[in-house]
Amino acid sequence: MSIISKRNLSIFSFLLFFIIASNTILYRVPLAQPLPDGIALATLFDCMIVIPLITYLFILRKRFSLKYILPVALAGYGVALLIVPNGLL
């Protein structure tokens, strides 16, 4: 098993931070209010599809099987629950 390259780890970290920060800022900044319909589904898509996909592409692709994607998707769902206000889910 090889070690993750620093380049892949830095790109992954940047993308992960950008996705989570942009979704969090969207719900917290009053400038973005009122939020359009379906924005909670977009956040769920980001957290449950996009984050596991970039995790697979940058970290898991050469080392592990696809069975590790499900825990990452469930963790993304948990993050989405923390980001999206209760009334929008």
Protein backbone atom coordinates (compact mmCIF):
# COMPACT_ATOMS: atom_id res chain seq x y z
CA MET A 1 0.00 0.00 0.00
CA SER A 2 1.53 3.28 -1.07
CA ILE A 3 1.31 6.56 0.72
CA ILE A 4 -0.97 9.29 -0.61
CA SER A 5 1.05 11.92 -2.44
CA LYS A 6 1.17 15.37 -0.91
CA ARG A 7 -0.13 16.87 -4.14
CA ASN A 8 -3.24 14.65 -4.15
CA LEU A 9 -3.81 15.29 -0.46
CA SER A 10 -3.53 19.06 -0.88
CA ILE A 11 -5.89 19.09 -3.88
CA PHE A 12 -8.36 16.87 -2.02
CA SER A 13 -8.19 19.07 1.08
CA PHE A 14 -8.76 22.23 -0.96
CA LEU A 15 -11.76 20.76 -2.80
CA LEU A 16 -13.26 19.38 0.41
CA PHE A 17 -12.83 22.71 2.19
CA PHE A 18 -14.28 24.61 -0.78
CA ILE A 19 -17.38 22.39 -1.01
CA ILE A 20 -18.14 22.47 2.71
CA ALA A 21 -17.33 26.17 3.15
CA SER A 22 -19.39 27.28 0.15
CA ASN A 23 -22.41 25.28 1.29
CA THR A 24 -22.08 26.57 4.85
CA ILE A 25 -21.70 30.19 3.75
CA LEU A 26 -24.74 29.84 1.49
CA TYR A 27 -26.99 29.18 4.48
CA ARG A 28 -25.36 31.63 6.89
CA VAL A 29 -24.96 34.81 4.81
CA PRO A 30 -28.08 36.98 4.69
CA LEU A 31 -27.13 38.21 1.22
CA ALA A 32 -28.12 34.80 -0.25
CA GLN A 33 -31.59 34.89 1.32
CA PRO A 34 -34.23 33.84 0.30
CA LEU A 35 -32.83 30.53 -0.77
CA PRO A 36 -34.22 28.90 -3.91
CA ASP A 37 -36.27 25.71 -3.75
CA GLY A 38 -34.17 22.59 -3.92
CA ILE A 39 -31.03 24.11 -2.46
CA ALA A 40 -31.06 21.53 0.33
CA LEU A 41 -31.05 18.79 -2.33
CA ALA A 42 -28.04 20.43 -3.97
CA THR A 43 -26.21 20.40 -0.63
CA LEU A 44 -27.13 16.75 -0.11
CA PHE A 45 -25.86 15.98 -3.62
CA ASP A 46 -22.57 17.75 -2.86
CA CYS A 47 -22.10 15.93 0.43
CA MET A 48 -23.32 12.47 -0.57
CA ILE A 49 -22.14 12.23 -4.20
CA VAL A 50 -19.44 14.79 -4.94
CA ILE A 51 -17.39 14.39 -1.73
CA PRO A 52 -17.28 10.56 -1.97
CA LEU A 53 -16.39 10.87 -5.65
CA ILE A 54 -13.41 13.15 -5.01
CA THR A 55 -12.43 10.96 -2.05
CA TYR A 56 -12.32 7.97 -4.35
CA LEU A 57 -10.47 9.80 -7.12
CA PHE A 58 -7.79 11.37 -4.93
CA ILE A 59 -7.37 8.92 -2.04
CA LEU A 60 -8.99 5.50 -2.45
CA ARG A 61 -8.63 4.74 -6.15
CA LYS A 62 -5.42 2.72 -6.18
CA ARG A 63 -5.55 1.27 -2.71
CA PHE A 64 -8.99 0.18 -1.63
CA SER A 65 -12.17 -1.24 -3.04
CA LEU A 66 -15.38 0.68 -3.62
CA LYS A 67 -16.86 -0.60 -0.34
CA TYR A 68 -15.26 2.36 1.46
CA ILE A 69 -17.38 4.83 -0.51
CA LEU A 70 -20.55 4.02 1.48
CA PRO A 71 -19.10 5.17 4.84
CA VAL A 72 -17.86 8.35 3.15
CA ALA A 73 -21.35 8.96 1.71
CA LEU A 74 -22.93 8.41 5.14
CA ALA A 75 -20.43 10.83 6.68
CA GLY A 76 -21.39 13.30 3.94
CA TYR A 77 -25.03 12.90 4.90
CA GLY A 78 -24.09 13.71 8.50
CA VAL A 79 -22.21 16.81 7.36
CA ALA A 80 -25.22 17.87 5.27
CA LEU A 81 -27.45 17.53 8.33
CA LEU A 82 -25.11 19.87 10.21
CA ILE A 83 -24.98 22.42 7.38
CA VAL A 84 -28.63 22.60 6.25
CA PRO A 85 -31.02 24.34 8.65
CA ASN A 86 -33.80 22.14 10.02
CA GLY A 87 -36.65 23.85 8.16
CA LEU A 88 -35.15 23.19 4.73
CA LEU A 89 -34.64 19.44 4.99
